[in-house]
Each structure stands twice: as structure tokens, then as C-alpha cells.
C-alpha atoms as a PDB file:
ATOM      1  CA  UNK A   1       0.000   0.000   0.000  1.00  0.00           C
ATOM      2  CA  UNK A   2       1.513   3.330  -1.111  1.00  0.00           C
ATOM      3  CA  UNK A   3       2.029   6.050   1.452  1.00  0.00           C
ATOM      4  CA  UNK A   4      -0.378   8.979   1.176  1.00  0.00           C
ATOM      5  CA  UNK A   5       1.391  12.265   0.440  1.00  0.00           C
ATOM      6  CA  UNK A   6       0.449  15.389   2.349  1.00  0.00           C
ATOM      7  CA  UNK A   7      -1.185  18.112   0.175  1.00  0.00           C
ATOM      8  CA  UNK A   8       1.919  20.352   0.012  1.00  0.00           C
ATOM      9  CA  UNK A   9       4.166  17.472  -1.061  1.00  0.00           C
ATOM     10  CA  UNK A  10       1.631  16.271  -3.613  1.00  0.00           C
ATOM     11  CA  UNK A  11       1.507  19.711  -5.255  1.00  0.00           C
ATOM     12  CA  UNK A  12       5.307  19.957  -5.316  1.00  0.00           C
ATOM     13  CA  UNK A  13       5.712  16.482  -6.850  1.00  0.00           C
ATOM     14  CA  UNK A  14       3.085  17.318  -9.494  1.00  0.00           C
ATOM     15  CA  UNK A  15       5.073  20.350 -10.665  1.00  0.00           C
ATOM     16  CA  UNK A  16       8.585  19.053  -9.987  1.00  0.00           C
ATOM     17  CA  UNK A  17       9.549  18.406 -13.627  1.00  0.00           C
ATOM     18  CA  UNK A  18       8.408  21.898 -14.630  1.00  0.00           C
ATOM     19  CA  UNK A  19      10.350  23.494 -11.765  1.00  0.00           C
ATOM     20  CA  UNK A  20      13.504  21.506 -12.553  1.00  0.00           C
ATOM     21  CA  UNK A  21      13.377  22.534 -16.215  1.00  0.00           C
ATOM     22  CA  UNK A  22      12.897  26.208 -15.299  1.00  0.00           C
ATOM     23  CA  UNK A  23      15.892  26.045 -12.944  1.00  0.00           C
ATOM     24  CA  UNK A  24      18.072  24.100 -15.409  1.00  0.00           C
ATOM     25  CA  UNK A  25      17.348  26.451 -18.310  1.00  0.00           C
ATOM     26  CA  UNK A  26      18.202  29.411 -16.107  1.00  0.00           C
ATOM     27  CA  UNK A  27      21.405  27.881 -14.703  1.00  0.00           C
ATOM     28  CA  UNK A  28      22.784  25.432 -17.262  1.00  0.00           C
ATOM     29  CA  UNK A  29      23.589  23.054 -14.419  1.00  0.00           C
ATOM     30  CA  UNK A  30      21.597  20.009 -13.351  1.00  0.00           C
ATOM     31  CA  UNK A  31      23.362  19.911  -9.975  1.00  0.00           C
ATOM     32  CA  UNK A  32      22.523  23.554  -9.244  1.00  0.00           C
ATOM     33  CA  UNK A  33      18.962  23.026 -10.498  1.00  0.00           C
ATOM     34  CA  UNK A  34      18.558  20.172  -7.988  1.00  0.00           C
ATOM     35  CA  UNK A  35      19.844  22.470  -5.224  1.00  0.00           C
ATOM     36  CA  UNK A  36      17.341  25.138  -6.256  1.00  0.00           C
ATOM     37  CA  UNK A  37      14.540  22.561  -6.098  1.00  0.00           C
ATOM     38  CA  UNK A  38      15.632  21.614  -2.583  1.00  0.00           C
ATOM     39  CA  UNK A  39      15.542  25.291  -1.556  1.00  0.00           C
ATOM     40  CA  UNK A  40      12.148  25.706  -3.232  1.00  0.00           C
ATOM     41  CA  UNK A  41      10.819  22.654  -1.390  1.00  0.00           C
ATOM     42  CA  UNK A  42      11.978  23.975   1.993  1.00  0.00           C
ATOM     43  CA  UNK A  43      10.335  27.363   1.384  1.00  0.00           C
ATOM     44  CA  UNK A  44       7.182  25.720   0.039  1.00  0.00           C
ATOM     45  CA  UNK A  45       6.797  23.602   3.185  1.00  0.00           C
ATOM     46  CA  UNK A  46       6.505  26.788   5.291  1.00  0.00           C
ATOM     47  CA  UNK A  47       3.650  28.182   3.180  1.00  0.00           C
ATOM     48  CA  UNK A  48       0.013  28.082   4.295  1.00  0.00           C
ATOM     49  CA  UNK A  49      -1.674  26.522   1.241  1.00  0.00           C
ATOM     50  CA  UNK A  50      -4.973  28.212   2.075  1.00  0.00           C
ATOM     51  CA  UNK A  51      -3.364  31.576   1.284  1.00  0.00           C
ATOM     52  CA  UNK A  52      -2.082  30.490  -2.153  1.00  0.00           C
ATOM     53  CA  UNK A  53      -4.415  31.242  -5.047  1.00  0.00           C
ATOM     54  CA  UNK A  54      -2.303  29.751  -7.887  1.00  0.00           C
ATOM     55  CA  UNK A  55      -0.067  26.980  -6.584  1.00  0.00           C
ATOM     56  CA  UNK A  56       1.909  26.408  -9.793  1.00  0.00           C
ATOM     57  CA  UNK A  57       2.583  30.127 -10.198  1.00  0.00           C
ATOM     58  CA  UNK A  58       3.666  30.380  -6.574  1.00  0.00           C
ATOM     59  CA  UNK A  59       6.125  27.488  -6.958  1.00  0.00           C
ATOM     60  CA  UNK A  60       7.502  28.916 -10.206  1.00  0.00           C
ATOM     61  CA  UNK A  61       7.982  32.249  -8.437  1.00  0.00           C
ATOM     62  CA  UNK A  62       9.989  30.651  -5.607  1.00  0.00           C
ATOM     63  CA  UNK A  63      12.071  28.617  -8.071  1.00  0.00           C
ATOM     64  CA  UNK A  64      12.788  31.612 -10.293  1.00  0.00           C
ATOM     65  CA  UNK A  65      13.908  33.775  -7.387  1.00  0.00           C
ATOM     66  CA  UNK A  66      16.158  31.050  -6.008  1.00  0.00           C
ATOM     67  CA  UNK A  67      17.606  30.415  -9.476  1.00  0.00           C
ATOM     68  CA  UNK A  68      18.246  34.130 -10.050  1.00  0.00           C
ATOM     69  CA  UNK A  69      20.148  34.352  -6.791  1.00  0.00           C
ATOM     70  CA  UNK A  70      22.223  31.295  -7.682  1.00  0.00           C
ATOM     71  CA  UNK A  71      22.769  32.505 -11.258  1.00  0.00           C
ATOM     72  CA  UNK A  72      24.549  35.598  -9.983  1.00  0.00           C
ATOM     73  CA  UNK A  73      26.807  33.411  -7.821  1.00  0.00           C
ATOM     74  CA  UNK A  74      27.494  31.137 -10.798  1.00  0.00           C
ATOM     75  CA  UNK A  75      28.493  34.199 -12.831  1.00  0.00           C
ATOM     76  CA  UNK A  76      31.282  34.906 -10.351  1.00  0.00           C
ATOM     77  CA  UNK A  77      32.388  31.237 -10.439  1.00  0.00           C
ATOM     78  CA  UNK A  78      32.583  31.302 -14.242  1.00  0.00           C
ATOM     79  CA  UNK A  79      34.934  34.293 -14.145  1.00  0.00           C
ATOM     80  CA  UNK A  80      37.616  32.112 -12.537  1.00  0.00           C
ATOM     81  CA  UNK A  81      36.784  28.945 -14.504  1.00  0.00           C
ATOM     82  CA  UNK A  82      39.745  27.291 -16.252  1.00  0.00           C
ATOM     83  CA  UNK A  83      39.208  27.159 -20.016  1.00  0.00           C
ATOM     84  CA  UNK A  84      35.828  27.364 -21.727  1.00  0.00           C
ATOM     85  CA  UNK A  85      32.593  26.866 -19.760  1.00  0.00           C
ATOM     86  CA  UNK A  86      29.875  24.642 -21.243  1.00  0.00           C
ATOM     87  CA  UNK A  87      26.461  23.809 -19.763  1.00  0.00           C
ATOM     88  CA  UNK A  88      26.169  20.573 -17.807  1.00  0.00           C
ATOM     89  CA  UNK A  89      24.803  17.830 -20.104  1.00  0.00           C
ATOM     90  CA  UNK A  90      21.309  16.652 -19.228  1.00  0.00           C
ATOM     91  CA  UNK A  91      20.088  13.155 -20.039  1.00  0.00           C
ATOM     92  CA  UNK A  92      16.568  13.552 -21.459  1.00  0.00           C
ATOM     93  CA  UNK A  93      13.757  11.119 -22.189  1.00  0.00           C
ATOM     94  CA  UNK A  94      12.759  10.384 -25.816  1.00  0.00           C
ATOM     95  CA  UNK A  95       9.441  12.213 -25.373  1.00  0.00           C
ATOM     96  CA  UNK A  96      11.343  15.496 -24.876  1.00  0.00           C
ATOM     97  CA  UNK A  97      12.599  15.258 -28.476  1.00  0.00           C
ATOM     98  CA  UNK A  98       8.990  14.963 -29.650  1.00  0.00           C
ATOM     99  CA  UNK A  99       8.242  18.347 -28.062  1.00  0.00           C
ATOM    100  CA  UNK A 100      10.298  20.326 -30.591  1.00  0.00           C
ATOM    101  CA  UNK A 101      10.031  23.637 -28.731  1.00  0.00           C
ATOM    102  CA  UNK A 102      11.161  22.137 -25.418  1.00  0.00           C
ATOM    103  CA  UNK A 103      13.927  20.089 -27.074  1.00  0.00           C
ATOM    104  CA  UNK A 104      15.235  23.228 -28.773  1.00  0.00           C
ATOM    105  CA  UNK A 105      15.156  25.221 -25.542  1.00  0.00           C
ATOM    106  CA  UNK A 106      17.356  22.730 -23.646  1.00  0.00           C
ATOM    107  CA  UNK A 107      19.748  22.011 -26.523  1.00  0.00           C
ATOM    108  CA  UNK A 108      23.418  22.706 -25.853  1.00  0.00           C
ATOM    109  CA  UNK A 109      23.420  25.368 -28.580  1.00  0.00           C
ATOM    110  CA  UNK A 110      20.429  27.180 -27.097  1.00  0.00           C
ATOM    111  CA  UNK A 111      21.779  26.921 -23.559  1.00  0.00           C
ATOM    112  CA  UNK A 112      24.922  28.704 -24.777  1.00  0.00           C
ATOM    113  CA  UNK A 113      22.784  31.415 -26.372  1.00  0.00           C
ATOM    114  CA  UNK A 114      20.947  31.872 -23.056  1.00  0.00           C
ATOM    115  CA  UNK A 115      24.345  32.418 -21.419  1.00  0.00           C
ATOM    116  CA  UNK A 116      24.622  35.694 -23.351  1.00  0.00           C
ATOM    117  CA  UNK A 117      21.523  37.152 -21.625  1.00  0.00           C
ATOM    118  CA  UNK A 118      21.528  38.990 -18.311  1.00  0.00           C
ATOM    119  CA  UNK A 119      20.082  36.959 -15.397  1.00  0.00           C
ATOM    120  CA  UNK A 120      16.740  38.809 -15.511  1.00  0.00           C
ATOM    121  CA  UNK A 121      16.517  38.595 -19.310  1.00  0.00           C
ATOM    122  CA  UNK A 122      17.192  34.873 -19.105  1.00  0.00           C
ATOM    123  CA  UNK A 123      14.485  34.315 -16.492  1.00  0.00           C
ATOM    124  CA  UNK A 124      11.938  36.330 -18.479  1.00  0.00           C
ATOM    125  CA  UNK A 125      12.801  34.599 -21.765  1.00  0.00           C
ATOM    126  CA  UNK A 126      12.556  31.104 -20.268  1.00  0.00           C
ATOM    127  CA  UNK A 127       9.266  31.778 -18.489  1.00  0.00           C
ATOM    128  CA  UNK A 128       7.677  33.559 -21.463  1.00  0.00           C
ATOM    129  CA  UNK A 129       9.023  31.808 -24.562  1.00  0.00           C
ATOM    130  CA  UNK A 130       9.426  28.272 -23.238  1.00  0.00           C
ATOM    131  CA  UNK A 131       6.623  27.995 -20.695  1.00  0.00           C
ATOM    132  CA  UNK A 132       4.247  30.668 -22.033  1.00  0.00           C
ATOM    133  CA  UNK A 133       3.657  32.330 -18.668  1.00  0.00           C
ATOM    134  CA  UNK A 134       1.731  35.604 -18.629  1.00  0.00           C
ATOM    135  CA  UNK A 135       3.480  38.937 -18.075  1.00  0.00           C
ATOM    136  CA  UNK A 136       1.776  39.469 -14.711  1.00  0.00           C
ATOM    137  CA  UNK A 137       2.908  36.043 -13.491  1.00  0.00           C
ATOM    138  CA  UNK A 138       6.490  36.671 -14.668  1.00  0.00           C
ATOM    139  CA  UNK A 139       6.490  40.141 -13.117  1.00  0.00           C
ATOM    140  CA  UNK A 140       5.819  38.647  -9.689  1.00  0.00           C
ATOM    141  CA  UNK A 141       8.607  36.106 -10.177  1.00  0.00           C
ATOM    142  CA  UNK A 142      11.298  38.657 -11.142  1.00  0.00           C
ATOM    143  CA  UNK A 143      10.074  41.626  -9.065  1.00  0.00           C
ATOM    144  CA  UNK A 144       9.393  43.894 -12.055  1.00  0.00           C
ATOM    145  CA  UNK A 145       6.268  45.608 -13.356  1.00  0.00           C
ATOM    146  CA  UNK A 146       4.344  43.842 -16.145  1.00  0.00           C
ATOM    147  CA  UNK A 147       5.251  46.727 -18.489  1.00  0.00           C
ATOM    148  CA  UNK A 148       8.959  46.298 -17.720  1.00  0.00           C
ATOM    149  CA  UNK A 149       8.696  42.534 -18.202  1.00  0.00           C
ATOM    150  CA  UNK A 150       7.066  43.067 -21.598  1.00  0.00           C
ATOM    151  CA  UNK A 151      10.025  45.230 -22.680  1.00  0.00           C
ATOM    152  CA  UNK A 152      12.584  42.774 -21.302  1.00  0.00           C
ATOM    153  CA  UNK A 153      10.818  39.874 -23.057  1.00  0.00           C
ATOM    154  CA  UNK A 154      10.888  41.731 -26.393  1.00  0.00           C
ATOM    155  CA  UNK A 155      14.579  42.593 -26.011  1.00  0.00           C
ATOM    156  CA  UNK A 156      15.541  39.055 -24.955  1.00  0.00           C
ATOM    157  CA  UNK A 157      13.556  37.473 -27.794  1.00  0.00           C
ATOM    158  CA  UNK A 158      15.320  39.628 -30.397  1.00  0.00           C
ATOM    159  CA  UNK A 159      18.703  38.896 -28.818  1.00  0.00           C
ATOM    160  CA  UNK A 160      18.112  35.122 -28.893  1.00  0.00           C
ATOM    161  CA  UNK A 161      16.635  35.161 -32.408  1.00  0.00           C
ATOM    162  CA  UNK A 162      19.844  36.723 -33.758  1.00  0.00           C
ATOM    163  CA  UNK A 163      21.997  33.986 -32.194  1.00  0.00           C
ATOM    164  CA  UNK A 164      19.957  30.773 -32.178  1.00  0.00           C
ATOM    165  CA  UNK A 165      20.592  27.990 -34.741  1.00  0.00           C
ATOM    166  CA  UNK A 166      19.183  28.646 -38.213  1.00  0.00           C
ATOM    167  CA  UNK A 167      16.675  26.079 -39.395  1.00  0.00           C
ATOM    168  CA  UNK A 168      15.390  23.086 -37.467  1.00  0.00           C
ATOM    169  CA  UNK A 169      17.881  20.229 -37.102  1.00  0.00           C
ATOM    170  CA  UNK A 170      16.027  16.918 -37.064  1.00  0.00           C
ATOM    171  CA  UNK A 171      17.202  14.003 -34.906  1.00  0.00           C
ATOM    172  CA  UNK A 172      18.257  12.314 -38.175  1.00  0.00           C
ATOM    173  CA  UNK A 173      20.479  15.297 -39.110  1.00  0.00           C
ATOM    174  CA  UNK A 174      22.080  15.176 -35.674  1.00  0.00           C
ATOM    175  CA  UNK A 175      22.603  11.405 -35.748  1.00  0.00           C
ATOM    176  CA  UNK A 176      24.267  11.603 -39.187  1.00  0.00           C
ATOM    177  CA  UNK A 177      26.631  14.298 -37.924  1.00  0.00           C
ATOM    178  CA  UNK A 178      27.499  12.217 -34.876  1.00  0.00           C
ATOM    179  CA  UNK A 179      28.068   9.110 -37.018  1.00  0.00           C
ATOM    180  CA  UNK A 180      30.557  11.067 -39.159  1.00  0.00           C
ATOM    181  CA  UNK A 181      32.249  12.251 -35.964  1.00  0.00           C
ATOM    182  CA  UNK A 182      32.376   8.673 -34.684  1.00  0.00           C
ATOM    183  CA  UNK A 183      33.873   7.371 -37.962  1.00  0.00           C
ATOM    184  CA  UNK A 184      36.578  10.050 -37.827  1.00  0.00           C
ATOM    185  CA  UNK A 185      37.416   9.056 -34.251  1.00  0.00           C
ATOM    186  CA  UNK A 186      37.434   5.320 -34.958  1.00  0.00           C
ATOM    187  CA  UNK A 187      39.184   5.274 -38.341  1.00  0.00           C
ATOM    188  CA  UNK A 188      41.009   8.587 -38.650  1.00  0.00           C
ATOM    189  CA  UNK A 189      39.131   9.176 -41.942  1.00  0.00           C
ATOM    190  CA  UNK A 190      38.226  12.854 -41.842  1.00  0.00           C
ATOM    191  CA  UNK A 191      36.668  13.303 -45.297  1.00  0.00           C
ATOM    192  CA  UNK A 192      33.177  12.297 -44.153  1.00  0.00           C
ATOM    193  CA  UNK A 193      33.511  14.773 -41.306  1.00  0.00           C
ATOM    194  CA  UNK A 194      34.695  17.578 -43.600  1.00  0.00           C
ATOM    195  CA  UNK A 195      31.604  17.021 -45.752  1.00  0.00           C
ATOM    196  CA  UNK A 196      29.276  18.034 -42.911  1.00  0.00           C
ATOM    197  CA  UNK A 197      31.364  20.669 -41.118  1.00  0.00           C
ATOM    198  CA  UNK A 198      30.661  24.337 -41.863  1.00  0.00           C
ATOM    199  CA  UNK A 199      33.825  26.212 -42.964  1.00  0.00           C
ATOM    200  CA  UNK A 200      33.681  28.310 -39.770  1.00  0.00           C
ATOM    201  CA  UNK A 201      32.768  25.444 -37.398  1.00  0.00           C
ATOM    202  CA  UNK A 202      33.835  25.964 -33.787  1.00  0.00           C
ATOM    203  CA  UNK A 203      34.911  23.189 -31.417  1.00  0.00           C
ATOM    204  CA  UNK A 204      34.632  23.989 -27.719  1.00  0.00           C
ATOM    205  CA  UNK A 205      35.965  21.725 -24.981  1.00  0.00           C
ATOM    206  CA  UNK A 206      35.295  21.868 -21.245  1.00  0.00           C
ATOM    207  CA  UNK A 207      37.648  20.054 -18.881  1.00  0.00           C
ATOM    208  CA  UNK A 208      37.258  22.523 -16.036  1.00  0.00           C
ATOM    209  CA  UNK A 209      41.009  22.494 -15.473  1.00  0.00           C
ATOM    210  CA  UNK A 210      40.622  18.962 -14.098  1.00  0.00           C
ATOM    211  CA  UNK A 211      41.060  16.839 -17.231  1.00  0.00           C
ATOM    212  CA  UNK A 212      42.565  17.528 -20.643  1.00  0.00           C
ATOM    213  CA  UNK A 213      40.493  19.626 -23.057  1.00  0.00           C
ATOM    214  CA  UNK A 214      41.200  22.396 -25.546  1.00  0.00           C
ATOM    215  CA  UNK A 215      41.494  25.592 -23.514  1.00  0.00           C
ATOM    216  CA  UNK A 216      40.433  27.864 -26.367  1.00  0.00           C
ATOM    217  CA  UNK A 217      37.859  27.313 -29.117  1.00  0.00           C
ATOM    218  CA  UNK A 218      39.232  25.690 -32.297  1.00  0.00           C
ATOM    219  CA  UNK A 219      37.864  27.403 -35.422  1.00  0.00           C
ATOM    220  CA  UNK A 220      37.733  26.108 -39.005  1.00  0.00           C
ATOM    221  CA  UNK A 221      36.734  22.803 -40.593  1.00  0.00           C
ATOM    222  CA  UNK A 222      40.277  21.614 -41.399  1.00  0.00           C
ATOM    223  CA  UNK A 223      41.633  22.348 -37.919  1.00  0.00           C
ATOM    224  CA  UNK A 224      38.635  20.761 -36.187  1.00  0.00           C
ATOM    225  CA  UNK A 225      38.653  17.632 -38.362  1.00  0.00           C
ATOM    226  CA  UNK A 226      42.391  17.044 -37.924  1.00  0.00           C
ATOM    227  CA  UNK A 227      42.214  17.632 -34.174  1.00  0.00           C
ATOM    228  CA  UNK A 228      39.424  15.070 -33.875  1.00  0.00           C
ATOM    229  CA  UNK A 229      41.226  12.505 -36.033  1.00  0.00           C
ATOM    230  CA  UNK A 230      44.486  12.806 -34.099  1.00  0.00           C
ATOM    231  CA  UNK A 231      42.871  13.078 -30.665  1.00  0.00           C
ATOM    232  CA  UNK A 232      40.445  10.271 -31.428  1.00  0.00           C
ATOM    233  CA  UNK A 233      43.167   7.814 -32.382  1.00  0.00           C
ATOM    234  CA  UNK A 234      44.750   8.303 -28.957  1.00  0.00           C
ATOM    235  CA  UNK A 235      41.491   7.544 -27.200  1.00  0.00           C
ATOM    236  CA  UNK A 236      40.607   4.473 -29.274  1.00  0.00           C
ATOM    237  CA  UNK A 237      43.963   2.888 -28.432  1.00  0.00           C
ATOM    238  CA  UNK A 238      43.040   3.365 -24.770  1.00  0.00           C
ATOM    239  CA  UNK A 239      39.766   1.464 -25.194  1.00  0.00           C
ATOM    240  CA  UNK A 240      37.233   4.260 -25.548  1.00  0.00           C
ATOM    241  CA  UNK A 241      33.685   3.343 -26.574  1.00  0.00           C
ATOM    242  CA  UNK A 242      31.073   5.694 -28.003  1.00  0.00           C
ATOM    243  CA  UNK A 243      27.304   5.307 -27.778  1.00  0.00           C
ATOM    244  CA  UNK A 244      24.435   7.478 -28.950  1.00  0.00           C
ATOM    245  CA  UNK A 245      22.176   8.784 -26.183  1.00  0.00           C
ATOM    246  CA  UNK A 246      19.418  11.349 -25.855  1.00  0.00           C
ATOM    247  CA  UNK A 247      21.012  14.417 -24.273  1.00  0.00           C
ATOM    248  CA  UNK A 248      19.532  17.912 -23.969  1.00  0.00           C
ATOM    249  CA  UNK A 249      16.628  16.922 -26.197  1.00  0.00           C
ATOM    250  CA  UNK A 250      18.776  15.651 -29.098  1.00  0.00           C
ATOM    251  CA  UNK A 251      21.040  12.736 -29.966  1.00  0.00           C
ATOM    252  CA  UNK A 252      24.558  13.065 -28.500  1.00  0.00           C
ATOM    253  CA  UNK A 253      27.578  10.837 -28.029  1.00  0.00           C
ATOM    254  CA  UNK A 254      28.527   9.405 -24.671  1.00  0.00           C
ATOM    255  CA  UNK A 255      32.204   8.433 -24.429  1.00  0.00           C
ATOM    256  CA  UNK A 256      33.364   5.812 -21.932  1.00  0.00           C
ATOM    257  CA  UNK A 257      36.877   4.786 -20.965  1.00  0.00           C
ATOM    258  CA  UNK A 258      37.043   1.434 -19.202  1.00  0.00           C
ATOM    259  CA  UNK A 259      33.286   1.654 -18.589  1.00  0.00           C
ATOM    260  CA  UNK A 260      33.453   5.073 -16.901  1.00  0.00           C
ATOM    261  CA  UNK A 261      31.860   8.103 -18.571  1.00  0.00           C
ATOM    262  CA  UNK A 262      34.665  10.265 -19.937  1.00  0.00           C
ATOM    263  CA  UNK A 263      32.799  12.848 -22.000  1.00  0.00           C
ATOM    264  CA  UNK A 264      29.699  13.977 -23.852  1.00  0.00           C
ATOM    265  CA  UNK A 265      29.732  15.265 -27.434  1.00  0.00           C
ATOM    266  CA  UNK A 266      26.914  17.504 -28.685  1.00  0.00           C
ATOM    267  CA  UNK A 267      26.557  19.392 -31.962  1.00  0.00           C
ATOM    268  CA  UNK A 268      24.967  22.559 -33.284  1.00  0.00           C
ATOM    269  CA  UNK A 269      23.589  22.393 -36.825  1.00  0.00           C
ATOM    270  CA  UNK A 270      22.763  25.439 -38.962  1.00  0.00           C
ATOM    271  CA  UNK A 271      21.264  24.993 -42.441  1.00  0.00           C
ATOM    272  CA  UNK A 272      22.313  21.337 -42.522  1.00  0.00           C
ATOM    273  CA  UNK A 273      25.971  21.852 -41.546  1.00  0.00           C
ATOM    274  CA  UNK A 274      27.677  21.428 -38.175  1.00  0.00           C
ATOM    275  CA  UNK A 275      28.662  24.887 -36.890  1.00  0.00           C
ATOM    276  CA  UNK A 276      29.407  23.869 -33.308  1.00  0.00           C
ATOM    277  CA  UNK A 277      30.955  20.824 -31.616  1.00  0.00           C
ATOM    278  CA  UNK A 278      30.781  20.787 -27.824  1.00  0.00           C
ATOM    279  CA  UNK A 279      32.802  18.292 -25.784  1.00  0.00           C
ATOM    280  CA  UNK A 280      32.201  18.210 -22.021  1.00  0.00           C
ATOM    281  CA  UNK A 281      34.837  16.268 -20.042  1.00  0.00           C
ATOM    282  CA  UNK A 282      34.745  18.013 -16.660  1.00  0.00           C
ATOM    283  CA  UNK A 283      34.034  15.077 -14.268  1.00  0.00           C
ATOM    284  CA  UNK A 284      31.924  17.292 -12.005  1.00  0.00           C
ATOM    285  CA  UNK A 285      29.587  18.047 -14.914  1.00  0.00           C
ATOM    286  CA  UNK A 286      29.353  14.372 -15.864  1.00  0.00           C
ATOM    287  CA  UNK A 287      28.439  13.071 -12.403  1.00  0.00           C
ATOM    288  CA  UNK A 288      24.703  13.718 -12.926  1.00  0.00           C
ATOM    289  CA  UNK A 289      24.801  11.848 -16.258  1.00  0.00           C
ATOM    290  CA  UNK A 290      26.703   8.992 -14.586  1.00  0.00           C
ATOM    291  CA  UNK A 291      24.021   8.661 -11.910  1.00  0.00           C
ATOM    292  CA  UNK A 292      21.161   8.842 -14.408  1.00  0.00           C
ATOM    293  CA  UNK A 293      22.647   6.254 -16.772  1.00  0.00           C
ATOM    294  CA  UNK A 294      23.342   3.944 -13.835  1.00  0.00           C
ATOM    295  CA  UNK A 295      19.674   4.152 -12.842  1.00  0.00           C
ATOM    296  CA  UNK A 296      18.550   3.077 -16.325  1.00  0.00           C
ATOM    297  CA  UNK A 297      20.873   0.101 -16.685  1.00  0.00           C
END
């Protein structure tokens, strides 16, 4: 016989996935999003439910405020980060990919675009464009007037539109790009990779100063392809395996060395060509993926 949840817990559990996604899209970190949910839960448990008119809106407001506070702290941490900073990969269920708008909003490429917004712009954009919240509801969450929120939303939308990937990359497009990447790693044959790389493709690595990764972005199809072919041959001799997984709403590659997750590879596709390759190797950012994959084995 299942244990009966108290009303406050039941409401929180009902909206937990929504709250996690709001926090993750604002922070780019699954670990920090989980911390924000814990803080939201503790605040929620002190609330008299009889005084709450819209429970979902109230929870979103708490989550947004906690995430905004943490986002400013994260900004200071990023200033001293070694090398390039990439969002923490997030293992996602297949049904996320079917929701094209949600899959796009949590993609690695879009998460990097969101990094270029101010904290308040990011909160407003996520709540308005991804979750379709009303201006009044958002205003309460970010402590602004509805008129100010409307202006911020317009500015953020234009900013994102100028930087987001062009065209819709289907899962098939992404898988084909990853297969070419995998062939280059396994065989050293870079021609198939060159065929799908944009001339100005950018490779970004994130080792967090803990493990080896390129410290600065590598730009240009020839440089990227040769780096992958040379670097890949080193890893294959050490027994690296690659598997396709659903990450951030799209197919991605999960690299393992001796059975332990060593990295995640995601791509950005514009007009059918790969314009961005993102390789996350920072062990701290892979710990959430490690736990999630272990649960599904």
C-alpha cells in the first residue's frame, strides 16, 4: 500500500519536472537546479496553502527567485573557470525530443545562447518563450512591473533570435553528424567529417582544469577535423567506446573509458551543416549523467 502524500508534497511532486526545467534552463547546471529545487521545497513547506491562489505560479515564483540568486553566484564562479565553460549535459527522455520547442530550448546550442543574456533577461525569456507564462505572473517572479517585463521579453527574444541555430535540425540530421564524428574518431578518416562541417565550425571543450580539453575554441573545418582525427586515435587505443544517447533533447555521443563516462559530445547544426561541436569532459559536470545512466541500466 503506497504512502499517502500530504497536500503540500503532492503539489510539489506534481510540478517538480516543470520546476527543474525552469531552474536548469536558467542555470545550465543540473546539480545547481537540484539544489534550487531543494531550496524551493523547503520554502514551500513553510507556506500556508490556504493563502495560495495559484499553486503552480507560486512554486515557479519561488524557483525563479532562487535560481536568479544562484545565477549571480554562478556568474562569479565562471569568471575564474579554467578554459571554456559549457552547460552541464542533461540526459533527457525520448518524449522530450517529440516536443520540438522544449527540445530546442534545452539544446546545448540554445543553452549557450541563453548564457549571453543577463540573469533577468534569461528568467523572463525562459518563463515567457518556453513555458508561455503571462506577463503578470512573470512580473511577480522577477520583481518587475508587467510593463517592464514586456520590454525585457521583447529585447531578450530579439537577442536570442539573432543567435539561435538557423533552421530546425532533425534528430536524423544530428545522428548523421554524430556518425561522421564517430567514424573520424574510430578510423582517422576525416573526409566524411569535412563534408558536414561548416567552414567556420567551432569546437569547444570543457575540462574545467581537471582533465585535458582544448582551452580555447578551435575554429575552421580543417583544424577541427584534424584535431578530432588525431585526438580520437589516442582515445581508441586506450579502449574508448562511443554510444548514442538522448542528451539535452537531441542525440549526442557518450564516451566511456574502461566503462566510466569520460565525456559527452553535442553538436549545433545550422542549415544542414555542423557549426558547433561541444565536448564536455569536466568530471563534475558528468556526475549527474553517470548517476542517471546507472539508474537506467
